[in-house]
Every structure is written in structure tokens, then in C-alpha cells.
């Protein structure tokens, strides 16, 4: 009997010790969890901001340059003038039509051309009339002494262009006709993509050559003459050819 009583006392003692140890462990766990919750509440705003920063796409050098190029170009010689812009015709999807808008235009041909091409991209009256992708931008523009204009566009001029010979042809024609109607001295156009010569605009229209730029008649009003309508079959733009040398004047016959 005494042995059994001792055994029971020992068992109760062990149970009490186990209960105390479990209670201490539970309390410790609860304290740790509470501390973690408090720490999470303190750091959560900063963590959320860090995640949002990681989600943002880092701005590349090309994007930064595009933002600068898309800013309105202003020069000391700017004069508010009526510019003749060529966008898609509302009546026919296979042709361009002239639209007169007010623009501050520079007297310098290069700066004037930049202003016109930026407006051609950004100021289309309707999305359906757009000829160039909205995300495209003009990176550089030059005019050589022989009247060759070089327009360097961002990659989006190709990647954002609807593929097809007609849409590509209309895009180039809208550039050439807008320049020809508003800038004097440009005879032909060369298009680069991100500073490089591209084989095609978006898979069809050959960009290796030069495109002719029509000259506006001196007395033509901004919206007077409609542009030439490209063939729906997608005939390529006529590239400039070397002019044939003038035939020599016939020699006079000397009478004897």
C-alpha cells in the first residue's frame, strides 16, 4: 500500500511538472507570435512600398529618350501657322486626306519637320485616322544638302505598325506628303529605325531605298489638293530615279 501511495504521489508530481513545462512553452510561443505580429504591423507599410517598387517596370534609356523627344519642340522663330497634315481618309481606308490644323512652326526646316512629324503621331483627330503608331516617337531628323531628309524613329514604328503592304505604304506616304506640303527644300526621304537601316517597315514595305517627297504648289491652300490614293493592291512607293541628262542642242550648220 505504501509503495502504491508513493507511486501515485510521484505520478501526480510528474504531471504537475509536465503541466508547468507545457504552460511555460505555450506562454513562450504566444509571446513570440505576438512579437511577430507586432513586428509585421510595423514593417507592413514599408514592405508594401518595396513590393510596389519592384512591380514597376524600370525606365529604360530608350523610354527616357522618348519622353524627352515627345516634349513639344519650341524655337525662337516659331510662328502659329496652318499646317497641312495627311492622315487616313474618313471616306476611304485606302487613301489619305489633308487636314489643316494650327501648329507653332519654326522657320528652321529641320525643327519645323520635327514639329510636323511629332504632330503627325500625337495629334491624329481620331484613332481610325492614325497612320503611325501612337507609341512611336521621332528620335532624330536631318536634312542633307541634296534635299534628302533622314527621319529616325523608335522601334515602335515597326512593332506597333499593323502588318500589311497597304498600311505600311500609307504610313510612309503620310510622312512624305506632310513634309512636302509644309517644308520647302526636301526632295526625298530616308527612314531609319532606332538609328539603323531596316529591311522593311513591318515586314512588307522596303526601307532600303529613298521615297520621293512631293513639293507643294506655291499657291496651294492647306486643304486644297487631296493626296494621291495608293493602290489597294499595295504597290510600292515610287523611289526617286536619277534624272536623265539633257539632250545636247543641235549644232548649227555652217554654209559654205
C-alpha atoms as a PDB file:
ATOM      1  CA  UNK A   1       0.000   0.000   0.000  1.00  0.00           C
ATOM      2  CA  UNK A   2       2.795   2.417   0.885  1.00  0.00           C
ATOM      3  CA  UNK A   3       4.513   1.636  -2.432  1.00  0.00           C
ATOM      4  CA  UNK A   4       1.308   2.362  -4.319  1.00  0.00           C
ATOM      5  CA  UNK A   5       0.814   5.650  -2.468  1.00  0.00           C
ATOM      6  CA  UNK A   6       4.353   6.717  -3.303  1.00  0.00           C
ATOM      7  CA  UNK A   7       3.824   5.784  -6.904  1.00  0.00           C
ATOM      8  CA  UNK A   8       0.677   7.862  -7.115  1.00  0.00           C
ATOM      9  CA  UNK A   9       2.397  10.850  -5.483  1.00  0.00           C
ATOM     10  CA  UNK A  10       5.281  10.545  -7.934  1.00  0.00           C
ATOM     11  CA  UNK A  11       2.867  10.362 -10.871  1.00  0.00           C
ATOM     12  CA  UNK A  12       0.976  13.434  -9.689  1.00  0.00           C
ATOM     13  CA  UNK A  13       4.267  15.267  -9.227  1.00  0.00           C
ATOM     14  CA  UNK A  14       5.355  14.386 -12.768  1.00  0.00           C
ATOM     15  CA  UNK A  15       2.026  15.534 -14.165  1.00  0.00           C
ATOM     16  CA  UNK A  16       2.333  18.846 -12.366  1.00  0.00           C
ATOM     17  CA  UNK A  17       5.874  19.339 -13.706  1.00  0.00           C
ATOM     18  CA  UNK A  18       4.750  18.435 -17.218  1.00  0.00           C
ATOM     19  CA  UNK A  19       1.841  20.854 -16.919  1.00  0.00           C
ATOM     20  CA  UNK A  20       4.153  23.624 -15.755  1.00  0.00           C
ATOM     21  CA  UNK A  21       6.610  22.944 -18.617  1.00  0.00           C
ATOM     22  CA  UNK A  22       3.751  22.894 -21.161  1.00  0.00           C
ATOM     23  CA  UNK A  23       2.364  26.095 -19.722  1.00  0.00           C
ATOM     24  CA  UNK A  24       5.771  27.800 -19.938  1.00  0.00           C
ATOM     25  CA  UNK A  25       6.246  26.586 -23.539  1.00  0.00           C
ATOM     26  CA  UNK A  26       2.781  27.769 -24.530  1.00  0.00           C
ATOM     27  CA  UNK A  27       3.335  31.119 -22.945  1.00  0.00           C
ATOM     28  CA  UNK A  28       6.680  31.469 -24.729  1.00  0.00           C
ATOM     29  CA  UNK A  29       5.088  30.545 -28.051  1.00  0.00           C
ATOM     30  CA  UNK A  30       2.290  33.052 -27.541  1.00  0.00           C
ATOM     31  CA  UNK A  31       4.793  35.777 -26.678  1.00  0.00           C
ATOM     32  CA  UNK A  32       6.872  35.026 -29.797  1.00  0.00           C
ATOM     33  CA  UNK A  33       3.777  35.041 -32.020  1.00  0.00           C
ATOM     34  CA  UNK A  34       2.594  38.312 -30.518  1.00  0.00           C
ATOM     35  CA  UNK A  35       6.013  39.867 -31.114  1.00  0.00           C
ATOM     36  CA  UNK A  36       5.996  38.686 -34.726  1.00  0.00           C
ATOM     37  CA  UNK A  37       2.525  40.125 -35.300  1.00  0.00           C
ATOM     38  CA  UNK A  38       3.588  43.456 -33.829  1.00  0.00           C
ATOM     39  CA  UNK A  39       6.732  43.487 -35.959  1.00  0.00           C
ATOM     40  CA  UNK A  40       4.666  42.687 -39.050  1.00  0.00           C
ATOM     41  CA  UNK A  41       2.273  45.537 -38.354  1.00  0.00           C
ATOM     42  CA  UNK A  42       5.206  47.925 -38.024  1.00  0.00           C
ATOM     43  CA  UNK A  43       7.028  46.800 -41.168  1.00  0.00           C
ATOM     44  CA  UNK A  44       3.992  46.108 -43.376  1.00  0.00           C
ATOM     45  CA  UNK A  45       3.730  49.626 -44.911  1.00  0.00           C
ATOM     46  CA  UNK A  46       7.403  49.617 -45.855  1.00  0.00           C
ATOM     47  CA  UNK A  47       7.146  46.105 -47.248  1.00  0.00           C
ATOM     48  CA  UNK A  48       4.138  47.078 -49.342  1.00  0.00           C
ATOM     49  CA  UNK A  49       6.022  50.046 -50.783  1.00  0.00           C
ATOM     50  CA  UNK A  50       9.014  47.842 -51.589  1.00  0.00           C
ATOM     51  CA  UNK A  51       6.792  45.363 -53.426  1.00  0.00           C
ATOM     52  CA  UNK A  52       5.188  48.176 -55.415  1.00  0.00           C
ATOM     53  CA  UNK A  53       8.635  49.478 -56.408  1.00  0.00           C
ATOM     54  CA  UNK A  54       9.628  46.004 -57.578  1.00  0.00           C
ATOM     55  CA  UNK A  55       6.453  45.721 -59.633  1.00  0.00           C
ATOM     56  CA  UNK A  56       7.182  48.931 -61.501  1.00  0.00           C
ATOM     57  CA  UNK A  57       8.971  48.411 -64.801  1.00  0.00           C
ATOM     58  CA  UNK A  58      12.332  50.168 -64.650  1.00  0.00           C
ATOM     59  CA  UNK A  59      12.525  53.059 -67.074  1.00  0.00           C
ATOM     60  CA  UNK A  60      14.980  52.216 -69.807  1.00  0.00           C
ATOM     61  CA  UNK A  61      17.259  54.658 -71.581  1.00  0.00           C
ATOM     62  CA  UNK A  62      15.074  54.382 -74.677  1.00  0.00           C
ATOM     63  CA  UNK A  63      11.934  55.278 -72.683  1.00  0.00           C
ATOM     64  CA  UNK A  64      13.661  58.263 -71.107  1.00  0.00           C
ATOM     65  CA  UNK A  65      14.840  59.485 -74.513  1.00  0.00           C
ATOM     66  CA  UNK A  66      11.347  59.001 -75.956  1.00  0.00           C
ATOM     67  CA  UNK A  67       9.815  61.119 -73.182  1.00  0.00           C
ATOM     68  CA  UNK A  68      12.275  63.903 -73.952  1.00  0.00           C
ATOM     69  CA  UNK A  69      11.652  63.687 -77.699  1.00  0.00           C
ATOM     70  CA  UNK A  70       7.877  63.783 -77.222  1.00  0.00           C
ATOM     71  CA  UNK A  71       8.037  67.115 -75.418  1.00  0.00           C
ATOM     72  CA  UNK A  72       6.786  69.965 -77.638  1.00  0.00           C
ATOM     73  CA  UNK A  73       9.616  71.491 -79.661  1.00  0.00           C
ATOM     74  CA  UNK A  74       9.813  75.248 -79.377  1.00  0.00           C
ATOM     75  CA  UNK A  75      12.224  77.574 -81.160  1.00  0.00           C
ATOM     76  CA  UNK A  76      12.632  81.375 -81.138  1.00  0.00           C
ATOM     77  CA  UNK A  77      11.330  81.563 -84.705  1.00  0.00           C
ATOM     78  CA  UNK A  78       8.068  79.716 -84.037  1.00  0.00           C
ATOM     79  CA  UNK A  79       5.007  81.247 -85.666  1.00  0.00           C
ATOM     80  CA  UNK A  80       1.461  79.942 -85.315  1.00  0.00           C
ATOM     81  CA  UNK A  81       0.588  78.660 -88.774  1.00  0.00           C
ATOM     82  CA  UNK A  82      -1.866  76.414 -90.557  1.00  0.00           C
ATOM     83  CA  UNK A  83      -0.219  73.070 -91.276  1.00  0.00           C
ATOM     84  CA  UNK A  84      -1.469  70.560 -93.794  1.00  0.00           C
ATOM     85  CA  UNK A  85      -1.382  67.084 -92.215  1.00  0.00           C
ATOM     86  CA  UNK A  86      -2.055  63.837 -94.010  1.00  0.00           C
ATOM     87  CA  UNK A  87      -3.994  61.187 -92.095  1.00  0.00           C
ATOM     88  CA  UNK A  88      -6.271  58.374 -93.270  1.00  0.00           C
ATOM     89  CA  UNK A  89      -9.384  59.442 -95.102  1.00  0.00           C
ATOM     90  CA  UNK A  90     -12.675  59.079 -93.250  1.00  0.00           C
ATOM     91  CA  UNK A  91     -14.382  58.144 -96.511  1.00  0.00           C
ATOM     92  CA  UNK A  92     -11.866  55.582 -97.788  1.00  0.00           C
ATOM     93  CA  UNK A  93      -9.461  53.406 -95.785  1.00  0.00           C
ATOM     94  CA  UNK A  94      -7.226  53.147 -98.857  1.00  0.00           C
ATOM     95  CA  UNK A  95      -6.269  56.815 -99.123  1.00  0.00           C
ATOM     96  CA  UNK A  96      -5.054  59.852 -97.232  1.00  0.00           C
ATOM     97  CA  UNK A  97      -6.759  63.197 -96.877  1.00  0.00           C
ATOM     98  CA  UNK A  98      -5.362  66.588 -95.988  1.00  0.00           C
ATOM     99  CA  UNK A  99      -6.394  68.073 -92.658  1.00  0.00           C
ATOM    100  CA  UNK A 100      -5.483  71.641 -91.712  1.00  0.00           C
ATOM    101  CA  UNK A 101      -4.517  72.260 -88.075  1.00  0.00           C
ATOM    102  CA  UNK A 102      -2.873  75.159 -86.244  1.00  0.00           C
ATOM    103  CA  UNK A 103       0.705  74.499 -85.150  1.00  0.00           C
ATOM    104  CA  UNK A 104       3.589  76.618 -83.891  1.00  0.00           C
ATOM    105  CA  UNK A 105       6.108  76.059 -86.682  1.00  0.00           C
ATOM    106  CA  UNK A 106       9.756  77.037 -86.775  1.00  0.00           C
ATOM    107  CA  UNK A 107      11.431  78.852 -89.661  1.00  0.00           C
ATOM    108  CA  UNK A 108      14.268  76.311 -89.464  1.00  0.00           C
ATOM    109  CA  UNK A 109      13.442  73.420 -91.841  1.00  0.00           C
ATOM    110  CA  UNK A 110      14.826  70.710 -89.531  1.00  0.00           C
ATOM    111  CA  UNK A 111      12.996  71.917 -86.428  1.00  0.00           C
ATOM    112  CA  UNK A 112       9.865  72.553 -88.487  1.00  0.00           C
ATOM    113  CA  UNK A 113       9.962  68.972 -89.770  1.00  0.00           C
ATOM    114  CA  UNK A 114      10.325  67.612 -86.239  1.00  0.00           C
ATOM    115  CA  UNK A 115       7.310  69.616 -85.109  1.00  0.00           C
ATOM    116  CA  UNK A 116       5.257  68.316 -88.019  1.00  0.00           C
ATOM    117  CA  UNK A 117       6.167  64.650 -87.540  1.00  0.00           C
ATOM    118  CA  UNK A 118       5.568  64.799 -83.796  1.00  0.00           C
ATOM    119  CA  UNK A 119       2.141  66.274 -84.516  1.00  0.00           C
ATOM    120  CA  UNK A 120       1.514  63.596 -87.149  1.00  0.00           C
ATOM    121  CA  UNK A 121       1.979  60.977 -84.411  1.00  0.00           C
ATOM    122  CA  UNK A 122       0.350  62.727 -81.470  1.00  0.00           C
ATOM    123  CA  UNK A 123      -2.458  64.813 -82.953  1.00  0.00           C
ATOM    124  CA  UNK A 124      -4.407  62.425 -85.172  1.00  0.00           C
ATOM    125  CA  UNK A 125      -8.051  63.601 -84.993  1.00  0.00           C
ATOM    126  CA  UNK A 126      -9.349  60.049 -84.485  1.00  0.00           C
ATOM    127  CA  UNK A 127      -7.690  56.689 -83.752  1.00  0.00           C
ATOM    128  CA  UNK A 128      -9.183  55.369 -87.004  1.00  0.00           C
ATOM    129  CA  UNK A 129      -7.331  58.074 -88.971  1.00  0.00           C
ATOM    130  CA  UNK A 130      -3.942  57.362 -87.428  1.00  0.00           C
ATOM    131  CA  UNK A 131      -1.169  56.367 -89.836  1.00  0.00           C
ATOM    132  CA  UNK A 132       1.676  55.959 -87.329  1.00  0.00           C
ATOM    133  CA  UNK A 133       1.607  54.030 -84.022  1.00  0.00           C
ATOM    134  CA  UNK A 134       0.754  56.230 -81.043  1.00  0.00           C
ATOM    135  CA  UNK A 135       3.663  54.809 -79.043  1.00  0.00           C
ATOM    136  CA  UNK A 136       6.208  55.619 -81.771  1.00  0.00           C
ATOM    137  CA  UNK A 137       8.440  58.659 -81.466  1.00  0.00           C
ATOM    138  CA  UNK A 138      10.800  60.619 -83.680  1.00  0.00           C
ATOM    139  CA  UNK A 139      14.342  60.198 -82.353  1.00  0.00           C
ATOM    140  CA  UNK A 140      16.221  62.378 -84.841  1.00  0.00           C
ATOM    141  CA  UNK A 141      15.767  64.268 -88.089  1.00  0.00           C
ATOM    142  CA  UNK A 142      18.287  65.626 -90.575  1.00  0.00           C
ATOM    143  CA  UNK A 143      18.228  67.277 -93.987  1.00  0.00           C
ATOM    144  CA  UNK A 144      21.235  66.742 -96.227  1.00  0.00           C
ATOM    145  CA  UNK A 145      22.435  69.396 -98.697  1.00  0.00           C
ATOM    146  CA  UNK A 146      20.983  67.455-101.639  1.00  0.00           C
ATOM    147  CA  UNK A 147      17.471  67.657-100.153  1.00  0.00           C
ATOM    148  CA  UNK A 148      17.427  64.150 -98.657  1.00  0.00           C
ATOM    149  CA  UNK A 149      15.593  64.079 -95.327  1.00  0.00           C
ATOM    150  CA  UNK A 150      16.522  61.351 -92.840  1.00  0.00           C
ATOM    151  CA  UNK A 151      13.869  60.516 -90.227  1.00  0.00           C
ATOM    152  CA  UNK A 152      14.935  58.207 -87.397  1.00  0.00           C
ATOM    153  CA  UNK A 153      12.025  56.652 -85.494  1.00  0.00           C
ATOM    154  CA  UNK A 154      11.884  54.477 -82.392  1.00  0.00           C
ATOM    155  CA  UNK A 155      11.361  50.709 -82.635  1.00  0.00           C
ATOM    156  CA  UNK A 156       7.611  51.158 -82.154  1.00  0.00           C
ATOM    157  CA  UNK A 157       7.308  52.488 -85.705  1.00  0.00           C
ATOM    158  CA  UNK A 158       7.755  48.831 -86.728  1.00  0.00           C
ATOM    159  CA  UNK A 159       6.482  46.835 -83.751  1.00  0.00           C
ATOM    160  CA  UNK A 160       3.296  48.900 -83.429  1.00  0.00           C
ATOM    161  CA  UNK A 161       2.544  49.092 -87.149  1.00  0.00           C
ATOM    162  CA  UNK A 162      -0.304  46.905 -88.461  1.00  0.00           C
ATOM    163  CA  UNK A 163       1.398  44.443 -90.770  1.00  0.00           C
ATOM    164  CA  UNK A 164       0.415  44.774 -94.401  1.00  0.00           C
ATOM    165  CA  UNK A 165       1.746  46.479 -97.502  1.00  0.00           C
ATOM    166  CA  UNK A 166      -1.107  48.983 -97.629  1.00  0.00           C
ATOM    167  CA  UNK A 167      -0.857  50.202 -94.017  1.00  0.00           C
ATOM    168  CA  UNK A 168       2.926  50.452 -94.328  1.00  0.00           C
ATOM    169  CA  UNK A 169       2.691  52.349 -97.613  1.00  0.00           C
ATOM    170  CA  UNK A 170       0.116  54.770 -96.236  1.00  0.00           C
ATOM    171  CA  UNK A 171       2.329  55.413 -93.211  1.00  0.00           C
ATOM    172  CA  UNK A 172       5.283  56.394 -95.381  1.00  0.00           C
ATOM    173  CA  UNK A 173       3.090  58.441 -97.716  1.00  0.00           C
ATOM    174  CA  UNK A 174       1.622  60.357 -94.787  1.00  0.00           C
ATOM    175  CA  UNK A 175       5.138  61.288 -93.653  1.00  0.00           C
ATOM    176  CA  UNK A 176       6.313  62.270 -97.133  1.00  0.00           C
ATOM    177  CA  UNK A 177       3.207  64.263 -98.039  1.00  0.00           C
ATOM    178  CA  UNK A 178       3.090  66.081 -94.696  1.00  0.00           C
ATOM    179  CA  UNK A 179       6.723  67.131 -95.103  1.00  0.00           C
ATOM    180  CA  UNK A 180       6.242  68.088 -98.745  1.00  0.00           C
ATOM    181  CA  UNK A 181       3.200  70.229 -98.009  1.00  0.00           C
ATOM    182  CA  UNK A 182       4.810  72.220 -95.211  1.00  0.00           C
ATOM    183  CA  UNK A 183       8.605  72.253 -95.659  1.00  0.00           C
ATOM    184  CA  UNK A 184      10.498  73.530 -98.671  1.00  0.00           C
ATOM    185  CA  UNK A 185      13.716  72.011 -99.946  1.00  0.00           C
ATOM    186  CA  UNK A 186      13.019  68.330 -99.166  1.00  0.00           C
ATOM    187  CA  UNK A 187      13.188  66.145-102.283  1.00  0.00           C
ATOM    188  CA  UNK A 188      13.371  62.613-100.890  1.00  0.00           C
ATOM    189  CA  UNK A 189      13.024  60.735 -97.621  1.00  0.00           C
ATOM    190  CA  UNK A 190      15.043  58.039 -95.877  1.00  0.00           C
ATOM    191  CA  UNK A 191      13.542  56.226 -92.879  1.00  0.00           C
ATOM    192  CA  UNK A 192      15.685  54.667 -90.138  1.00  0.00           C
ATOM    193  CA  UNK A 193      14.525  52.578 -87.183  1.00  0.00           C
ATOM    194  CA  UNK A 194      16.407  53.255 -83.947  1.00  0.00           C
ATOM    195  CA  UNK A 195      19.363  54.627 -85.843  1.00  0.00           C
ATOM    196  CA  UNK A 196      19.666  51.600 -88.107  1.00  0.00           C
ATOM    197  CA  UNK A 197      18.677  50.861 -91.666  1.00  0.00           C
ATOM    198  CA  UNK A 198      15.760  48.413 -91.585  1.00  0.00           C
ATOM    199  CA  UNK A 199      14.876  45.997 -94.359  1.00  0.00           C
ATOM    200  CA  UNK A 200      11.154  46.638 -94.147  1.00  0.00           C
ATOM    201  CA  UNK A 201       8.815  48.816 -92.139  1.00  0.00           C
ATOM    202  CA  UNK A 202       6.751  45.959 -90.674  1.00  0.00           C
ATOM    203  CA  UNK A 203       7.528  43.017 -92.910  1.00  0.00           C
ATOM    204  CA  UNK A 204       6.466  44.288 -96.348  1.00  0.00           C
ATOM    205  CA  UNK A 205       7.487  47.787 -97.448  1.00  0.00           C
ATOM    206  CA  UNK A 206      11.153  48.008 -98.446  1.00  0.00           C
ATOM    207  CA  UNK A 207      13.027  50.705 -96.496  1.00  0.00           C
ATOM    208  CA  UNK A 208      16.434  50.317 -98.117  1.00  0.00           C
ATOM    209  CA  UNK A 209      15.726  52.937-100.761  1.00  0.00           C
ATOM    210  CA  UNK A 210      14.553  56.541-100.763  1.00  0.00           C
ATOM    211  CA  UNK A 211      10.987  57.800-101.030  1.00  0.00           C
ATOM    212  CA  UNK A 212      10.076  60.822-103.120  1.00  0.00           C
ATOM    213  CA  UNK A 213       8.639  63.841-101.315  1.00  0.00           C
ATOM    214  CA  UNK A 214       6.105  65.838-103.358  1.00  0.00           C
ATOM    215  CA  UNK A 215       6.559  69.581-103.455  1.00  0.00           C
ATOM    216  CA  UNK A 216       3.525  71.692-102.642  1.00  0.00           C
ATOM    217  CA  UNK A 217       2.424  74.221-105.238  1.00  0.00           C
ATOM    218  CA  UNK A 218       3.314  77.760-104.058  1.00  0.00           C
ATOM    219  CA  UNK A 219      -0.292  78.961-104.162  1.00  0.00           C
ATOM    220  CA  UNK A 220      -1.908  75.833-102.803  1.00  0.00           C
ATOM    221  CA  UNK A 221      -4.146  76.265 -99.770  1.00  0.00           C
ATOM    222  CA  UNK A 222      -3.548  73.930 -96.797  1.00  0.00           C
ATOM    223  CA  UNK A 223      -6.577  71.765 -97.541  1.00  0.00           C
ATOM    224  CA  UNK A 224      -6.997  72.300-101.250  1.00  0.00           C
ATOM    225  CA  UNK A 225      -5.463  69.302-103.019  1.00  0.00           C
ATOM    226  CA  UNK A 226      -6.228  65.758-101.828  1.00  0.00           C
ATOM    227  CA  UNK A 227      -3.285  63.319-101.690  1.00  0.00           C
ATOM    228  CA  UNK A 228      -2.784  60.624-104.263  1.00  0.00           C
ATOM    229  CA  UNK A 229      -4.680  57.444-103.490  1.00  0.00           C
ATOM    230  CA  UNK A 230      -2.436  54.350-103.185  1.00  0.00           C
ATOM    231  CA  UNK A 231      -3.482  51.219-104.992  1.00  0.00           C
ATOM    232  CA  UNK A 232      -5.381  48.760-102.765  1.00  0.00           C
ATOM    233  CA  UNK A 233      -3.128  46.022-104.103  1.00  0.00           C
ATOM    234  CA  UNK A 234      -0.214  47.593-102.263  1.00  0.00           C
ATOM    235  CA  UNK A 235       2.040  48.907-104.994  1.00  0.00           C
ATOM    236  CA  UNK A 236       5.322  50.112-103.525  1.00  0.00           C
ATOM    237  CA  UNK A 237       6.090  53.778-103.323  1.00  0.00           C
ATOM    238  CA  UNK A 238       7.925  55.239-106.281  1.00  0.00           C
ATOM    239  CA  UNK A 239      11.544  55.803-105.356  1.00  0.00           C
ATOM    240  CA  UNK A 240      13.488  58.681-106.856  1.00  0.00           C
ATOM    241  CA  UNK A 241      15.400  57.976-110.042  1.00  0.00           C
ATOM    242  CA  UNK A 242      18.384  59.808-111.377  1.00  0.00           C
ATOM    243  CA  UNK A 243      17.289  62.410-113.868  1.00  0.00           C
ATOM    244  CA  UNK A 244      18.314  61.755-117.474  1.00  0.00           C
ATOM    245  CA  UNK A 245      20.920  64.179-118.823  1.00  0.00           C
ATOM    246  CA  UNK A 246      19.557  66.884-121.070  1.00  0.00           C
ATOM    247  CA  UNK A 247      19.970  66.230-124.801  1.00  0.00           C
ATOM    248  CA  UNK A 248      22.627  68.453-126.369  1.00  0.00           C
ATOM    249  CA  UNK A 249      21.388  71.254-128.612  1.00  0.00           C
ATOM    250  CA  UNK A 250      21.826  70.537-132.342  1.00  0.00           C
ATOM    251  CA  UNK A 251      24.814  72.193-133.862  1.00  0.00           C
ATOM    252  CA  UNK A 252      24.192  74.908-136.368  1.00  0.00           C
ATOM    253  CA  UNK A 253      25.033  74.083-139.993  1.00  0.00           C
ATOM    254  CA  UNK A 254      27.692  76.334-141.419  1.00  0.00           C
ATOM    255  CA  UNK A 255      27.011  77.213-145.057  1.00  0.00           C
ATOM    256  CA  UNK A 256      29.941  77.174-147.424  1.00  0.00           C
END
